[in-house]
Amino acid sequence: MSLNFYDDNEDTAKEESINNYIDLFYNYEINLPNLKEALNQMFASSGASEKIIEELIEDIISKSEKTIKRNLKKIKEKYPEITEDDSLIISSYTCESKDSNFSPYRLLNTSLVSKNRKNGLEKISKYLYILLNALRKLKRYYPEPDNNYLYRCIRAKVNLMIDPLNKALVPY
């Protein structure tokens, strides 16, 4: 398995083997972190104070739980093997926090493209591990032409269409 990273000065991806970073994730096989631990590691590594960390974790988990409650039946029908914790982890990735600098997707993406890859991954290793484990349980999604919806933990619909030139989904 490999990861693709983008250099700030280039448009091309640099491929690195996940084996270069396997030691970061080894202990999580034995002691699987929970979402609170993972968010705590990520927020603390980003310089948030303990008080702010507690507020951010509560905010993210609360928003994610509300999203899951609204959609749990649909999620279970489509992905019977996914647990509620997995749904919570996936939903948390898309949540916007009170302070957008501490939104999980922003911190994760920033860490993945940092110049010092190992240091960047150390900051998010727990979160990345549980997120990837949850995502592995999902089937690939191929949108139908009349049903192009992207679900995110925001209160807005984003309509997508397939760009005929490069066959990619694009917002419209």
C-alpha atoms as a PDB file:
ATOM      1  CA  MET A   1       0.000   0.000   0.000  1.00  0.00           C
ATOM      2  CA  SER A   2       1.263   3.462  -0.765  1.00  0.00           C
ATOM      3  CA  LEU A   3       0.358   7.043   0.035  1.00  0.00           C
ATOM      4  CA  ASN A   4       0.482   9.904  -2.426  1.00  0.00           C
ATOM      5  CA  PHE A   5       1.788  13.220  -1.164  1.00  0.00           C
ATOM      6  CA  TYR A   6       1.879  16.527  -3.004  1.00  0.00           C
ATOM      7  CA  ASP A   7       4.788  18.896  -2.812  1.00  0.00           C
ATOM      8  CA  ASP A   8       3.891  22.565  -2.258  1.00  0.00           C
ATOM      9  CA  ASN A   9       5.966  23.574  -5.277  1.00  0.00           C
ATOM     10  CA  GLU A  10       4.728  20.890  -7.642  1.00  0.00           C
ATOM     11  CA  ASP A  11       1.488  19.585  -9.043  1.00  0.00           C
ATOM     12  CA  THR A  12       2.795  16.047  -9.140  1.00  0.00           C
ATOM     13  CA  ALA A  13       2.335  13.441  -6.448  1.00  0.00           C
ATOM     14  CA  LYS A  14       5.218  11.743  -4.699  1.00  0.00           C
ATOM     15  CA  GLU A  15       4.469   8.159  -3.801  1.00  0.00           C
ATOM     16  CA  GLU A  16       5.794   6.713  -0.580  1.00  0.00           C
ATOM     17  CA  SER A  17       5.256   3.281   0.872  1.00  0.00           C
ATOM     18  CA  ILE A  18       3.066   3.034   3.956  1.00  0.00           C
ATOM     19  CA  ASN A  19       5.774   0.709   5.281  1.00  0.00           C
ATOM     20  CA  ASN A  20       7.914   3.796   5.958  1.00  0.00           C
ATOM     21  CA  TYR A  21       5.410   4.764   8.668  1.00  0.00           C
ATOM     22  CA  ILE A  22       4.133   1.403   9.885  1.00  0.00           C
ATOM     23  CA  ASP A  23       5.821   1.846  13.284  1.00  0.00           C
ATOM     24  CA  LEU A  24       3.448   4.774  14.004  1.00  0.00           C
ATOM     25  CA  PHE A  25       0.443   2.460  13.753  1.00  0.00           C
ATOM     26  CA  TYR A  26       1.811  -0.784  15.182  1.00  0.00           C
ATOM     27  CA  ASN A  27       0.585  -0.267  18.769  1.00  0.00           C
ATOM     28  CA  TYR A  28      -2.927   0.610  17.631  1.00  0.00           C
ATOM     29  CA  GLU A  29      -3.536  -3.002  16.572  1.00  0.00           C
ATOM     30  CA  ILE A  30      -3.289  -3.953  20.239  1.00  0.00           C
ATOM     31  CA  ASN A  31      -4.813  -0.835  21.837  1.00  0.00           C
ATOM     32  CA  LEU A  32      -7.313   0.580  19.349  1.00  0.00           C
ATOM     33  CA  PRO A  33      -7.752   4.296  20.090  1.00  0.00           C
ATOM     34  CA  ASN A  34     -11.250   5.734  20.382  1.00  0.00           C
ATOM     35  CA  LEU A  35     -12.435   8.920  18.717  1.00  0.00           C
ATOM     36  CA  LYS A  36     -11.881  11.098  21.798  1.00  0.00           C
ATOM     37  CA  GLU A  37      -8.282   9.920  22.177  1.00  0.00           C
ATOM     38  CA  ALA A  38      -7.633  10.456  18.476  1.00  0.00           C
ATOM     39  CA  LEU A  39      -9.115  13.959  18.433  1.00  0.00           C
ATOM     40  CA  ASN A  40      -7.248  14.809  21.630  1.00  0.00           C
ATOM     41  CA  GLN A  41      -3.919  13.802  20.055  1.00  0.00           C
ATOM     42  CA  MET A  42      -4.650  15.791  16.911  1.00  0.00           C
ATOM     43  CA  PHE A  43      -5.812  18.955  18.689  1.00  0.00           C
ATOM     44  CA  ALA A  44      -3.001  18.858  21.287  1.00  0.00           C
ATOM     45  CA  SER A  45      -0.396  18.441  18.532  1.00  0.00           C
ATOM     46  CA  SER A  46      -1.861  21.497  16.844  1.00  0.00           C
ATOM     47  CA  GLY A  47      -1.318  23.687  19.888  1.00  0.00           C
ATOM     48  CA  ALA A  48      -4.779  23.820  21.464  1.00  0.00           C
ATOM     49  CA  SER A  49      -5.035  24.214  25.240  1.00  0.00           C
ATOM     50  CA  GLU A  50      -6.668  21.485  27.362  1.00  0.00           C
ATOM     51  CA  LYS A  51      -9.802  23.594  27.883  1.00  0.00           C
ATOM     52  CA  ILE A  52     -10.144  24.288  24.155  1.00  0.00           C
ATOM     53  CA  ILE A  53      -9.493  20.603  23.355  1.00  0.00           C
ATOM     54  CA  GLU A  54     -12.390  19.499  25.578  1.00  0.00           C
ATOM     55  CA  GLU A  55     -14.730  22.019  23.915  1.00  0.00           C
ATOM     56  CA  LEU A  56     -13.606  21.016  20.404  1.00  0.00           C
ATOM     57  CA  ILE A  57     -14.034  17.293  21.086  1.00  0.00           C
ATOM     58  CA  GLU A  58     -17.492  17.825  22.582  1.00  0.00           C
ATOM     59  CA  ASP A  59     -18.507  20.000  19.618  1.00  0.00           C
ATOM     60  CA  ILE A  60     -17.261  17.550  16.951  1.00  0.00           C
ATOM     61  CA  ILE A  61     -18.760  14.462  18.623  1.00  0.00           C
ATOM     62  CA  SER A  62     -22.081  16.216  19.256  1.00  0.00           C
ATOM     63  CA  LYS A  63     -22.396  17.326  15.622  1.00  0.00           C
ATOM     64  CA  SER A  64     -21.382  13.883  14.365  1.00  0.00           C
ATOM     65  CA  GLU A  65     -23.878  12.106  16.620  1.00  0.00           C
ATOM     66  CA  LYS A  66     -26.697  14.358  15.364  1.00  0.00           C
ATOM     67  CA  THR A  67     -25.760  13.600  11.764  1.00  0.00           C
ATOM     68  CA  ILE A  68     -25.678   9.864  12.421  1.00  0.00           C
ATOM     69  CA  LYS A  69     -29.023   9.864  14.250  1.00  0.00           C
ATOM     70  CA  ARG A  70     -30.674  11.459  11.221  1.00  0.00           C
ATOM     71  CA  ASN A  71     -29.107   8.958   8.821  1.00  0.00           C
ATOM     72  CA  LEU A  72     -28.464   5.786  10.857  1.00  0.00           C
ATOM     73  CA  LYS A  73     -31.205   3.714   9.238  1.00  0.00           C
ATOM     74  CA  LYS A  74     -29.944   4.543   5.727  1.00  0.00           C
ATOM     75  CA  ILE A  75     -26.348   3.917   6.758  1.00  0.00           C
ATOM     76  CA  LYS A  76     -27.186   0.496   8.252  1.00  0.00           C
ATOM     77  CA  GLU A  77     -29.192  -0.514   5.163  1.00  0.00           C
ATOM     78  CA  LYS A  78     -26.382   0.403   2.803  1.00  0.00           C
ATOM     79  CA  TYR A  79     -23.434  -0.678   4.987  1.00  0.00           C
ATOM     80  CA  PRO A  80     -24.589  -3.432   7.393  1.00  0.00           C
ATOM     81  CA  GLU A  81     -21.026  -4.199   8.587  1.00  0.00           C
ATOM     82  CA  ILE A  82     -20.320  -0.642   9.709  1.00  0.00           C
ATOM     83  CA  THR A  83     -20.631   0.090  13.427  1.00  0.00           C
ATOM     84  CA  GLU A  84     -22.012   3.223  15.020  1.00  0.00           C
ATOM     85  CA  ASP A  85     -18.458   4.110  16.114  1.00  0.00           C
ATOM     86  CA  ASP A  86     -17.268   3.778  12.507  1.00  0.00           C
ATOM     87  CA  SER A  87     -20.083   6.075  11.368  1.00  0.00           C
ATOM     88  CA  LEU A  88     -19.133   8.556  14.081  1.00  0.00           C
ATOM     89  CA  ILE A  89     -15.478   8.534  13.018  1.00  0.00           C
ATOM     90  CA  ILE A  90     -16.288   9.050   9.335  1.00  0.00           C
ATOM     91  CA  SER A  91     -18.798  11.780  10.113  1.00  0.00           C
ATOM     92  CA  SER A  92     -16.339  13.557  12.422  1.00  0.00           C
ATOM     93  CA  TYR A  93     -13.868  13.927   9.561  1.00  0.00           C
ATOM     94  CA  THR A  94     -16.300  16.149   7.678  1.00  0.00           C
ATOM     95  CA  CYS A  95     -17.318  18.290  10.679  1.00  0.00           C
ATOM     96  CA  GLU A  96     -16.485  21.937  10.860  1.00  0.00           C
ATOM     97  CA  SER A  97     -15.438  22.838  14.409  1.00  0.00           C
ATOM     98  CA  LYS A  98     -16.157  26.082  16.251  1.00  0.00           C
ATOM     99  CA  ASP A  99     -12.668  27.192  15.270  1.00  0.00           C
ATOM    100  CA  SER A 100     -12.165  26.174  11.643  1.00  0.00           C
ATOM    101  CA  ASN A 101      -8.405  25.909  12.233  1.00  0.00           C
ATOM    102  CA  PHE A 102      -9.164  22.809  14.303  1.00  0.00           C
ATOM    103  CA  SER A 103     -11.548  21.053  11.912  1.00  0.00           C
ATOM    104  CA  PRO A 104     -10.482  17.396  11.641  1.00  0.00           C
ATOM    105  CA  TYR A 105     -10.339  17.336   7.843  1.00  0.00           C
ATOM    106  CA  ARG A 106      -8.193  20.484   7.800  1.00  0.00           C
ATOM    107  CA  LEU A 107      -5.719  19.170  10.410  1.00  0.00           C
ATOM    108  CA  LEU A 108      -5.530  15.748   8.786  1.00  0.00           C
ATOM    109  CA  ASN A 109      -5.001  17.104   5.284  1.00  0.00           C
ATOM    110  CA  THR A 110      -2.398  19.620   6.465  1.00  0.00           C
ATOM    111  CA  SER A 111      -0.474  16.908   8.305  1.00  0.00           C
ATOM    112  CA  LEU A 112      -0.559  14.567   5.316  1.00  0.00           C
ATOM    113  CA  VAL A 113       1.164  17.122   3.085  1.00  0.00           C
ATOM    114  CA  SER A 114       3.668  18.464   5.619  1.00  0.00           C
ATOM    115  CA  LYS A 115       7.300  18.644   4.557  1.00  0.00           C
ATOM    116  CA  ASN A 116       8.338  16.370   7.436  1.00  0.00           C
ATOM    117  CA  ARG A 117       5.990  13.463   6.715  1.00  0.00           C
ATOM    118  CA  LYS A 118       6.755  11.405   9.797  1.00  0.00           C
ATOM    119  CA  ASN A 119       6.246  14.370  12.118  1.00  0.00           C
ATOM    120  CA  GLY A 120       2.994  15.249  10.345  1.00  0.00           C
ATOM    121  CA  LEU A 121       1.720  11.690  10.622  1.00  0.00           C
ATOM    122  CA  GLU A 122       2.709  11.456  14.295  1.00  0.00           C
ATOM    123  CA  LYS A 123       0.321  14.327  15.040  1.00  0.00           C
ATOM    124  CA  ILE A 124      -2.645  12.517  13.488  1.00  0.00           C
ATOM    125  CA  SER A 125      -1.672   8.842  13.730  1.00  0.00           C
ATOM    126  CA  LYS A 126      -4.529   7.758  16.026  1.00  0.00           C
ATOM    127  CA  TYR A 127      -7.150   9.601  14.009  1.00  0.00           C
ATOM    128  CA  LEU A 128      -5.780   8.424  10.672  1.00  0.00           C
ATOM    129  CA  TYR A 129      -5.678   4.821  11.882  1.00  0.00           C
ATOM    130  CA  ILE A 130      -9.292   4.697  13.075  1.00  0.00           C
ATOM    131  CA  LEU A 131     -10.532   6.679  10.060  1.00  0.00           C
ATOM    132  CA  LEU A 132      -8.849   4.316   7.581  1.00  0.00           C
ATOM    133  CA  ASN A 133     -10.206   1.281   9.464  1.00  0.00           C
ATOM    134  CA  ALA A 134     -13.729   2.708   9.304  1.00  0.00           C
ATOM    135  CA  LEU A 135     -13.420   3.646   5.621  1.00  0.00           C
ATOM    136  CA  ARG A 136     -12.262   0.123   4.720  1.00  0.00           C
ATOM    137  CA  LYS A 137     -15.705  -1.167   5.726  1.00  0.00           C
ATOM    138  CA  LEU A 138     -17.443   0.959   3.113  1.00  0.00           C
ATOM    139  CA  LYS A 139     -18.197  -0.291  -0.355  1.00  0.00           C
ATOM    140  CA  ARG A 140     -17.076   1.804  -3.271  1.00  0.00           C
ATOM    141  CA  TYR A 141     -19.738   4.269  -4.255  1.00  0.00           C
ATOM    142  CA  TYR A 142     -20.573   4.843  -7.872  1.00  0.00           C
ATOM    143  CA  PRO A 143     -23.219   7.557  -8.158  1.00  0.00           C
ATOM    144  CA  GLU A 144     -26.192   7.072 -10.406  1.00  0.00           C
ATOM    145  CA  PRO A 145     -26.765   9.798 -13.015  1.00  0.00           C
ATOM    146  CA  ASP A 146     -29.880  11.158 -11.263  1.00  0.00           C
ATOM    147  CA  ASN A 147     -28.643  10.730  -7.686  1.00  0.00           C
ATOM    148  CA  ASN A 148     -25.368  12.626  -7.317  1.00  0.00           C
ATOM    149  CA  TYR A 149     -25.250  13.550  -3.638  1.00  0.00           C
ATOM    150  CA  LEU A 150     -22.228  14.005  -1.448  1.00  0.00           C
ATOM    151  CA  TYR A 151     -22.990  13.819   2.273  1.00  0.00           C
ATOM    152  CA  ARG A 152     -21.004  15.964   4.633  1.00  0.00           C
ATOM    153  CA  CYS A 153     -21.581  17.093   8.200  1.00  0.00           C
ATOM    154  CA  ILE A 154     -22.859  20.487   7.035  1.00  0.00           C
ATOM    155  CA  ARG A 155     -26.382  21.748   6.532  1.00  0.00           C
ATOM    156  CA  ALA A 156     -26.221  22.152   2.773  1.00  0.00           C
ATOM    157  CA  LYS A 157     -26.602  20.016  -0.318  1.00  0.00           C
ATOM    158  CA  VAL A 158     -23.785  19.959  -2.811  1.00  0.00           C
ATOM    159  CA  ASN A 159     -24.924  18.876  -6.240  1.00  0.00           C
ATOM    160  CA  LEU A 160     -22.424  17.102  -8.435  1.00  0.00           C
ATOM    161  CA  MET A 161     -22.311  16.203 -12.068  1.00  0.00           C
ATOM    162  CA  ILE A 162     -19.945  14.014 -14.034  1.00  0.00           C
ATOM    163  CA  ASP A 163     -17.572  16.057 -16.184  1.00  0.00           C
ATOM    164  CA  PRO A 164     -17.666  14.320 -19.595  1.00  0.00           C
ATOM    165  CA  LEU A 165     -14.058  15.229 -20.422  1.00  0.00           C
ATOM    166  CA  ASN A 166     -12.313  13.637 -17.467  1.00  0.00           C
ATOM    167  CA  LYS A 167     -15.167  11.501 -16.043  1.00  0.00           C
ATOM    168  CA  ALA A 168     -14.746  13.114 -12.605  1.00  0.00           C
ATOM    169  CA  LEU A 169     -17.437  14.390 -10.270  1.00  0.00           C
ATOM    170  CA  VAL A 170     -17.547  18.182 -10.146  1.00  0.00           C
ATOM    171  CA  PRO A 171     -19.833  20.589  -8.214  1.00  0.00           C
ATOM    172  CA  TYR A 172     -22.358  22.603 -10.171  1.00  0.00           C
END
